[in-house]
Amino acid sequence: MHLSTDYTETLKKIKETEEASSREILERRKALEEELRGLEAESSAAIAEAKKRADAHIAEEVEKAHKSAQKGAETLATKTTKEANALASKKLDKKDLKKIMDETLFSEFK
């Protein structure tokens, strides 16, 4: 009878050990899942922040490019105006006038 009691006790210990292991595994799984949800939230926040900074950087670069283009256009307009005024104030002789007319006005008909 002593052998059957030992056997029954061994089975009980095995069952208790299995149950304890199952509880530990379940607790560890829950902890890991919670940690994973936290990491997912952190990464989503980091991605959103990076996107926000990237959008701000793009807007800043577009504004810089716009200002640079505007400055270039203003410089070109100023230069062209000066050249036009210089040409307008210059007296042309008939030879120069004919040359300009031939090169610009009549060049399409050649």
C-alpha atoms as a PDB file:
ATOM      1  CA  MET A   1       0.000   0.000   0.000  1.00  0.00           C
ATOM      2  CA  HIS A   2       2.931   2.250   0.622  1.00  0.00           C
ATOM      3  CA  LEU A   3       3.900   1.984  -3.051  1.00  0.00           C
ATOM      4  CA  SER A   4       0.488   3.164  -4.259  1.00  0.00           C
ATOM      5  CA  THR A   5       0.579   6.121  -1.832  1.00  0.00           C
ATOM      6  CA  ASP A   6       4.023   7.115  -3.122  1.00  0.00           C
ATOM      7  CA  TYR A   7       2.770   6.780  -6.683  1.00  0.00           C
ATOM      8  CA  THR A   8      -0.303   8.921  -5.923  1.00  0.00           C
ATOM      9  CA  GLU A   9       1.868  11.550  -4.210  1.00  0.00           C
ATOM     10  CA  THR A  10       4.250  11.613  -7.170  1.00  0.00           C
ATOM     11  CA  LEU A  11       1.338  12.090  -9.569  1.00  0.00           C
ATOM     12  CA  LYS A  12      -0.013  14.940  -7.407  1.00  0.00           C
ATOM     13  CA  LYS A  13       3.406  16.616  -7.376  1.00  0.00           C
ATOM     14  CA  ILE A  14       3.693  16.239 -11.148  1.00  0.00           C
ATOM     15  CA  LYS A  15       0.224  17.753 -11.619  1.00  0.00           C
ATOM     16  CA  GLU A  16       1.031  20.636  -9.240  1.00  0.00           C
ATOM     17  CA  THR A  17       4.289  21.273 -11.062  1.00  0.00           C
ATOM     18  CA  GLU A  18       2.494  21.281 -14.429  1.00  0.00           C
ATOM     19  CA  GLU A  19      -0.135  23.687 -13.124  1.00  0.00           C
ATOM     20  CA  ALA A  20       2.495  25.977 -11.623  1.00  0.00           C
ATOM     21  CA  SER A  21       4.457  25.911 -14.904  1.00  0.00           C
ATOM     22  CA  SER A  22       1.300  26.670 -16.870  1.00  0.00           C
ATOM     23  CA  ARG A  23       0.532  29.644 -14.592  1.00  0.00           C
ATOM     24  CA  GLU A  24       4.108  30.946 -14.933  1.00  0.00           C
ATOM     25  CA  ILE A  25       3.978  30.578 -18.716  1.00  0.00           C
ATOM     26  CA  LEU A  26       0.610  32.358 -18.852  1.00  0.00           C
ATOM     27  CA  GLU A  27       1.855  35.194 -16.628  1.00  0.00           C
ATOM     28  CA  ARG A  28       5.022  35.556 -18.677  1.00  0.00           C
ATOM     29  CA  ARG A  29       2.988  35.560 -21.903  1.00  0.00           C
ATOM     30  CA  LYS A  30       0.702  38.290 -20.556  1.00  0.00           C
ATOM     31  CA  ALA A  31       3.723  40.343 -19.478  1.00  0.00           C
ATOM     32  CA  LEU A  32       5.346  39.957 -22.903  1.00  0.00           C
ATOM     33  CA  GLU A  33       2.120  40.886 -24.694  1.00  0.00           C
ATOM     34  CA  GLU A  34       1.798  43.996 -22.531  1.00  0.00           C
ATOM     35  CA  GLU A  35       5.411  44.902 -23.239  1.00  0.00           C
ATOM     36  CA  LEU A  36       4.790  44.403 -26.959  1.00  0.00           C
ATOM     37  CA  ARG A  37       1.735  46.704 -26.851  1.00  0.00           C
ATOM     38  CA  GLY A  38       3.848  49.320 -25.085  1.00  0.00           C
ATOM     39  CA  LEU A  39       6.596  49.037 -27.696  1.00  0.00           C
ATOM     40  CA  GLU A  40       4.034  49.306 -30.489  1.00  0.00           C
ATOM     41  CA  ALA A  41       2.614  52.477 -28.922  1.00  0.00           C
ATOM     42  CA  GLU A  42       6.107  53.944 -28.523  1.00  0.00           C
ATOM     43  CA  SER A  43       7.063  53.140 -32.096  1.00  0.00           C
ATOM     44  CA  SER A  44       3.805  54.605 -33.429  1.00  0.00           C
ATOM     45  CA  ALA A  45       4.460  57.799 -31.486  1.00  0.00           C
ATOM     46  CA  ALA A  46       8.066  57.921 -32.733  1.00  0.00           C
ATOM     47  CA  ILE A  47       6.940  57.398 -36.336  1.00  0.00           C
ATOM     48  CA  ALA A  48       4.317  60.137 -36.008  1.00  0.00           C
ATOM     49  CA  GLU A  49       6.897  62.536 -34.546  1.00  0.00           C
ATOM     50  CA  ALA A  50       9.412  61.710 -37.298  1.00  0.00           C
ATOM     51  CA  LYS A  51       6.736  62.287 -39.961  1.00  0.00           C
ATOM     52  CA  LYS A  52       5.820  65.606 -38.355  1.00  0.00           C
ATOM     53  CA  ARG A  53       9.476  66.711 -38.349  1.00  0.00           C
ATOM     54  CA  ALA A  54       9.943  65.540 -41.947  1.00  0.00           C
ATOM     55  CA  ASP A  55       6.872  67.490 -43.077  1.00  0.00           C
ATOM     56  CA  ALA A  56       8.157  70.598 -41.284  1.00  0.00           C
ATOM     57  CA  HIS A  57      11.591  70.161 -42.896  1.00  0.00           C
ATOM     58  CA  ILE A  58      10.038  69.760 -46.338  1.00  0.00           C
ATOM     59  CA  ALA A  59       7.932  72.887 -45.836  1.00  0.00           C
ATOM     60  CA  GLU A  60      11.027  74.792 -44.711  1.00  0.00           C
ATOM     61  CA  GLU A  61      13.047  73.652 -47.738  1.00  0.00           C
ATOM     62  CA  VAL A  62      10.202  74.518 -50.106  1.00  0.00           C
ATOM     63  CA  GLU A  63      10.040  78.004 -48.575  1.00  0.00           C
ATOM     64  CA  LYS A  64      13.816  78.409 -48.950  1.00  0.00           C
ATOM     65  CA  ALA A  65      13.636  77.316 -52.596  1.00  0.00           C
ATOM     66  CA  HIS A  66      10.744  79.684 -53.206  1.00  0.00           C
ATOM     67  CA  LYS A  67      12.646  82.625 -51.685  1.00  0.00           C
ATOM     68  CA  SER A  68      15.762  81.750 -53.669  1.00  0.00           C
ATOM     69  CA  ALA A  69      13.804  81.549 -56.914  1.00  0.00           C
ATOM     70  CA  GLN A  70      12.065  84.826 -56.115  1.00  0.00           C
ATOM     71  CA  LYS A  71      15.403  86.513 -55.435  1.00  0.00           C
ATOM     72  CA  GLY A  72      16.816  85.127 -58.699  1.00  0.00           C
ATOM     73  CA  ALA A  73      13.801  86.364 -60.622  1.00  0.00           C
ATOM     74  CA  GLU A  74      14.067  89.812 -59.043  1.00  0.00           C
ATOM     75  CA  THR A  75      17.794  89.965 -59.852  1.00  0.00           C
ATOM     76  CA  LEU A  76      17.132  88.960 -63.446  1.00  0.00           C
ATOM     77  CA  ALA A  77      14.293  91.473 -63.755  1.00  0.00           C
ATOM     78  CA  THR A  78      16.503  94.253 -62.369  1.00  0.00           C
ATOM     79  CA  LYS A  79      19.353  93.352 -64.725  1.00  0.00           C
ATOM     80  CA  THR A  80      17.012  93.155 -67.709  1.00  0.00           C
ATOM     81  CA  THR A  81      15.426  96.497 -66.827  1.00  0.00           C
ATOM     82  CA  LYS A  82      18.851  98.140 -66.586  1.00  0.00           C
ATOM     83  CA  GLU A  83      19.896  96.665 -69.931  1.00  0.00           C
ATOM     84  CA  ALA A  84      16.614  97.724 -71.528  1.00  0.00           C
ATOM     85  CA  ASN A  85      17.001 101.255 -70.205  1.00  0.00           C
ATOM     86  CA  ALA A  86      20.607 101.375 -71.419  1.00  0.00           C
ATOM     87  CA  LEU A  87      19.550 100.197 -74.863  1.00  0.00           C
ATOM     88  CA  ALA A  88      16.606 102.576 -74.948  1.00  0.00           C
ATOM     89  CA  SER A  89      18.794 105.552 -74.161  1.00  0.00           C
ATOM     90  CA  LYS A  90      21.341 104.595 -76.775  1.00  0.00           C
ATOM     91  CA  LYS A  91      20.956 106.180 -80.197  1.00  0.00           C
ATOM     92  CA  LEU A  92      21.148 103.725 -83.010  1.00  0.00           C
ATOM     93  CA  ASP A  93      22.372 104.490 -86.428  1.00  0.00           C
ATOM     94  CA  LYS A  94      20.577 103.064 -89.434  1.00  0.00           C
ATOM     95  CA  LYS A  95      23.041 100.185 -89.772  1.00  0.00           C
ATOM     96  CA  ASP A  96      22.567  99.003 -86.158  1.00  0.00           C
ATOM     97  CA  LEU A  97      18.789  99.408 -86.414  1.00  0.00           C
ATOM     98  CA  LYS A  98      18.681  97.323 -89.576  1.00  0.00           C
ATOM     99  CA  LYS A  99      20.836  94.640 -87.949  1.00  0.00           C
ATOM    100  CA  ILE A 100      18.532  94.433 -84.906  1.00  0.00           C
ATOM    101  CA  MET A 101      15.445  94.270 -87.085  1.00  0.00           C
ATOM    102  CA  ASP A 102      16.959  91.555 -89.245  1.00  0.00           C
ATOM    103  CA  GLU A 103      18.072  89.485 -86.242  1.00  0.00           C
ATOM    104  CA  THR A 104      14.920  89.776 -84.181  1.00  0.00           C
ATOM    105  CA  LEU A 105      11.917  90.826 -86.179  1.00  0.00           C
ATOM    106  CA  PHE A 106      12.598  89.203 -89.491  1.00  0.00           C
ATOM    107  CA  SER A 107      14.387  86.096 -88.227  1.00  0.00           C
ATOM    108  CA  GLU A 108      11.133  84.133 -88.264  1.00  0.00           C
ATOM    109  CA  PHE A 109      10.689  84.699 -91.970  1.00  0.00           C
ATOM    110  CA  LYS A 110      14.071  83.346 -92.977  1.00  0.00           C
END
